[in-house]
Amino acid sequence: MPFPELTLTFPEGGIILPGTPTETPTPTAAAGDASESSWSPLGGVLLVVILVLIWVLLGTSFYFAFRRVS
């Protein structure tokens, strides 16, 4: 028994879903908000220093842990 033939036909304009999409309003920052939310150079440097200190502490702890094992 042969398989039935299947043909797909799509509408010309595409599929139209019911309802219309609603646009969400994008918040606009006031003049004073932009300076408060941006990073200062000192804050960026402080973040890098903290990350380097954590990296150094983890590195030394792994070094001494592996040194004790061997």
N, C-alpha and C. Protein backbone atom coordinates (compact mmCIF):
# COMPACT_ATOMS: atom_id res chain seq x y z
N MET A 1 0.85 -1.17 0.00
CA MET A 1 0.00 0.00 0.00
C MET A 1 0.90 1.24 0.00
N PRO A 2 0.81 2.09 -0.98
CA PRO A 2 1.68 3.27 -1.05
C PRO A 2 1.23 4.35 -0.05
N PHE A 3 2.21 5.15 0.33
CA PHE A 3 1.90 6.25 1.25
C PHE A 3 1.10 7.34 0.54
N PRO A 4 0.22 8.03 1.26
CA PRO A 4 -0.53 9.12 0.62
C PRO A 4 0.40 10.30 0.35
N GLU A 5 0.10 11.02 -0.71
CA GLU A 5 0.89 12.18 -1.05
C GLU A 5 0.45 13.36 -0.22
N LEU A 6 1.41 14.11 0.28
CA LEU A 6 1.11 15.25 1.14
C LEU A 6 1.67 16.50 0.49
N THR A 7 0.81 17.48 0.32
CA THR A 7 1.27 18.76 -0.23
C THR A 7 0.89 19.87 0.74
N LEU A 8 1.83 20.78 0.96
CA LEU A 8 1.58 21.91 1.84
C LEU A 8 1.40 23.17 1.01
N THR A 9 0.38 23.93 1.33
CA THR A 9 0.17 25.21 0.66
C THR A 9 0.12 26.30 1.73
N PHE A 10 0.85 27.37 1.50
CA PHE A 10 0.90 28.47 2.43
C PHE A 10 0.17 29.67 1.83
N PRO A 11 -0.48 30.46 2.65
CA PRO A 11 -1.17 31.64 2.13
C PRO A 11 -0.16 32.67 1.61
N GLU A 12 -0.61 33.50 0.67
CA GLU A 12 0.29 34.47 0.04
C GLU A 12 0.79 35.52 1.02
N GLY A 13 -0.06 36.02 1.89
CA GLY A 13 0.33 37.10 2.78
C GLY A 13 0.94 36.63 4.08
N GLY A 14 1.15 35.38 4.27
CA GLY A 14 1.67 34.86 5.51
C GLY A 14 0.53 34.58 6.48
N ILE A 15 0.86 34.19 7.65
CA ILE A 15 -0.14 33.87 8.66
C ILE A 15 -0.41 35.13 9.48
N ILE A 16 -1.67 35.48 9.59
CA ILE A 16 -2.07 36.66 10.34
C ILE A 16 -2.71 36.20 11.63
N LEU A 17 -2.11 36.57 12.75
CA LEU A 17 -2.63 36.20 14.05
C LEU A 17 -3.63 37.24 14.53
N PRO A 18 -4.63 36.81 15.31
CA PRO A 18 -5.60 37.78 15.79
C PRO A 18 -4.98 38.72 16.82
N GLY A 19 -5.47 39.93 16.87
CA GLY A 19 -4.95 40.91 17.82
C GLY A 19 -3.81 41.68 17.21
N THR A 20 -3.59 42.86 17.72
CA THR A 20 -2.49 43.68 17.21
C THR A 20 -1.43 43.78 18.30
N PRO A 21 -0.17 43.75 17.91
CA PRO A 21 0.88 43.87 18.93
C PRO A 21 0.89 45.28 19.50
N THR A 22 1.15 45.36 20.78
CA THR A 22 1.23 46.66 21.42
C THR A 22 2.68 47.02 21.63
N GLU A 23 3.00 48.26 21.39
CA GLU A 23 4.37 48.73 21.58
C GLU A 23 4.53 49.18 23.02
N THR A 24 5.61 48.72 23.63
CA THR A 24 5.88 49.13 25.00
C THR A 24 6.70 50.41 24.97
N PRO A 25 6.35 51.37 25.78
CA PRO A 25 7.10 52.63 25.77
C PRO A 25 8.49 52.43 26.38
N THR A 26 9.48 53.02 25.76
CA THR A 26 10.83 52.92 26.28
C THR A 26 11.06 54.06 27.26
N PRO A 27 11.64 53.76 28.41
CA PRO A 27 11.86 54.82 29.40
C PRO A 27 12.96 55.76 28.93
N THR A 28 12.72 57.04 29.09
CA THR A 28 13.74 58.03 28.74
C THR A 28 14.36 58.56 30.02
N ALA A 29 15.66 58.67 30.02
CA ALA A 29 16.37 59.13 31.21
C ALA A 29 16.34 60.66 31.25
N ALA A 30 16.16 61.19 32.44
CA ALA A 30 16.20 62.63 32.61
C ALA A 30 17.65 63.10 32.56
N ALA A 31 17.86 64.38 32.53
CA ALA A 31 19.22 64.91 32.40
C ALA A 31 20.09 64.53 33.60
N GLY A 32 19.54 64.50 34.80
CA GLY A 32 20.31 64.18 35.98
C GLY A 32 20.54 62.70 36.17
N ASP A 33 19.71 61.86 35.55
CA ASP A 33 19.82 60.41 35.75
C ASP A 33 21.02 59.81 35.03
N ALA A 34 21.45 60.41 33.92
CA ALA A 34 22.53 59.82 33.12
C ALA A 34 23.84 59.82 33.89
N SER A 35 24.12 60.88 34.62
CA SER A 35 25.39 60.94 35.34
C SER A 35 25.37 60.03 36.56
N GLU A 36 24.20 59.80 37.15
CA GLU A 36 24.11 58.95 38.33
C GLU A 36 24.26 57.48 37.99
N SER A 37 23.81 57.06 36.81
CA SER A 37 23.83 55.65 36.47
C SER A 37 25.13 55.22 35.78
N SER A 38 25.94 56.16 35.32
CA SER A 38 27.17 55.77 34.62
C SER A 38 28.29 55.53 35.64
N TRP A 39 29.27 54.75 35.21
CA TRP A 39 30.40 54.41 36.08
C TRP A 39 31.39 55.55 36.08
N SER A 40 31.91 55.85 37.23
CA SER A 40 33.01 56.81 37.29
C SER A 40 34.31 56.04 37.06
N PRO A 41 35.35 56.72 36.62
CA PRO A 41 36.62 56.01 36.40
C PRO A 41 37.16 55.38 37.68
N LEU A 42 36.94 56.03 38.81
CA LEU A 42 37.42 55.48 40.08
C LEU A 42 36.67 54.18 40.42
N GLY A 43 35.38 54.12 40.12
CA GLY A 43 34.61 52.90 40.38
C GLY A 43 35.08 51.74 39.53
N GLY A 44 35.44 52.01 38.26
CA GLY A 44 35.96 50.96 37.39
C GLY A 44 37.30 50.44 37.85
N VAL A 45 38.16 51.35 38.29
CA VAL A 45 39.48 50.94 38.80
C VAL A 45 39.32 50.14 40.08
N LEU A 46 38.42 50.57 40.94
CA LEU A 46 38.19 49.84 42.19
C LEU A 46 37.67 48.43 41.92
N LEU A 47 36.80 48.29 40.95
CA LEU A 47 36.29 46.96 40.59
C LEU A 47 37.41 46.06 40.08
N VAL A 48 38.28 46.60 39.25
CA VAL A 48 39.39 45.81 38.72
C VAL A 48 40.34 45.41 39.84
N VAL A 49 40.61 46.33 40.77
CA VAL A 49 41.51 46.02 41.88
C VAL A 49 40.93 44.92 42.76
N ILE A 50 39.64 44.98 43.02
CA ILE A 50 38.99 43.94 43.84
C ILE A 50 39.05 42.59 43.13
N LEU A 51 38.78 42.58 41.82
CA LEU A 51 38.84 41.31 41.08
C LEU A 51 40.26 40.74 41.05
N VAL A 52 41.27 41.60 40.91
CA VAL A 52 42.66 41.12 40.91
C VAL A 52 43.02 40.57 42.28
N LEU A 53 42.59 41.24 43.36
CA LEU A 53 42.88 40.72 44.70
C LEU A 53 42.23 39.35 44.93
N ILE A 54 41.00 39.19 44.48
CA ILE A 54 40.34 37.88 44.62
C ILE A 54 41.11 36.83 43.82
N TRP A 55 41.54 37.20 42.61
CA TRP A 55 42.28 36.27 41.76
C TRP A 55 43.60 35.86 42.42
N VAL A 56 44.28 36.82 43.03
CA VAL A 56 45.55 36.52 43.70
C VAL A 56 45.32 35.63 44.92
N LEU A 57 44.30 35.92 45.70
CA LEU A 57 44.01 35.09 46.87
C LEU A 57 43.65 33.67 46.47
N LEU A 58 42.84 33.51 45.45
CA LEU A 58 42.50 32.16 44.98
C LEU A 58 43.74 31.44 44.43
N GLY A 59 44.57 32.16 43.70
CA GLY A 59 45.77 31.55 43.14
C GLY A 59 46.73 31.07 44.21
N THR A 60 46.93 31.89 45.24
CA THR A 60 47.84 31.46 46.31
C THR A 60 47.26 30.30 47.10
N SER A 61 45.95 30.31 47.31
CA SER A 61 45.36 29.18 48.05
C SER A 61 45.48 27.88 47.25
N PHE A 62 45.27 27.94 45.93
CA PHE A 62 45.45 26.74 45.12
C PHE A 62 46.91 26.30 45.09
N TYR A 63 47.82 27.26 45.04
CA TYR A 63 49.26 26.93 45.02
C TYR A 63 49.65 26.17 46.29
N PHE A 64 49.26 26.70 47.43
CA PHE A 64 49.64 26.04 48.67
C PHE A 64 48.89 24.74 48.89
N ALA A 65 47.65 24.64 48.38
CA ALA A 65 46.89 23.39 48.50
C ALA A 65 47.56 22.30 47.67
N PHE A 66 47.97 22.60 46.45
CA PHE A 66 48.64 21.59 45.61
C PHE A 66 50.04 21.28 46.13
N ARG A 67 50.68 22.25 46.75
CA ARG A 67 52.01 22.00 47.29
C ARG A 67 51.95 21.02 48.46
N ARG A 68 50.87 21.12 49.25
CA ARG A 68 50.71 20.18 50.38
C ARG A 68 50.40 18.77 49.89
N VAL A 69 49.70 18.65 48.76
CA VAL A 69 49.32 17.33 48.24
C VAL A 69 50.56 16.59 47.73
N SER A 70 51.44 17.30 47.04
CA SER A 70 52.60 16.61 46.46
C SER A 70 53.78 16.54 47.39
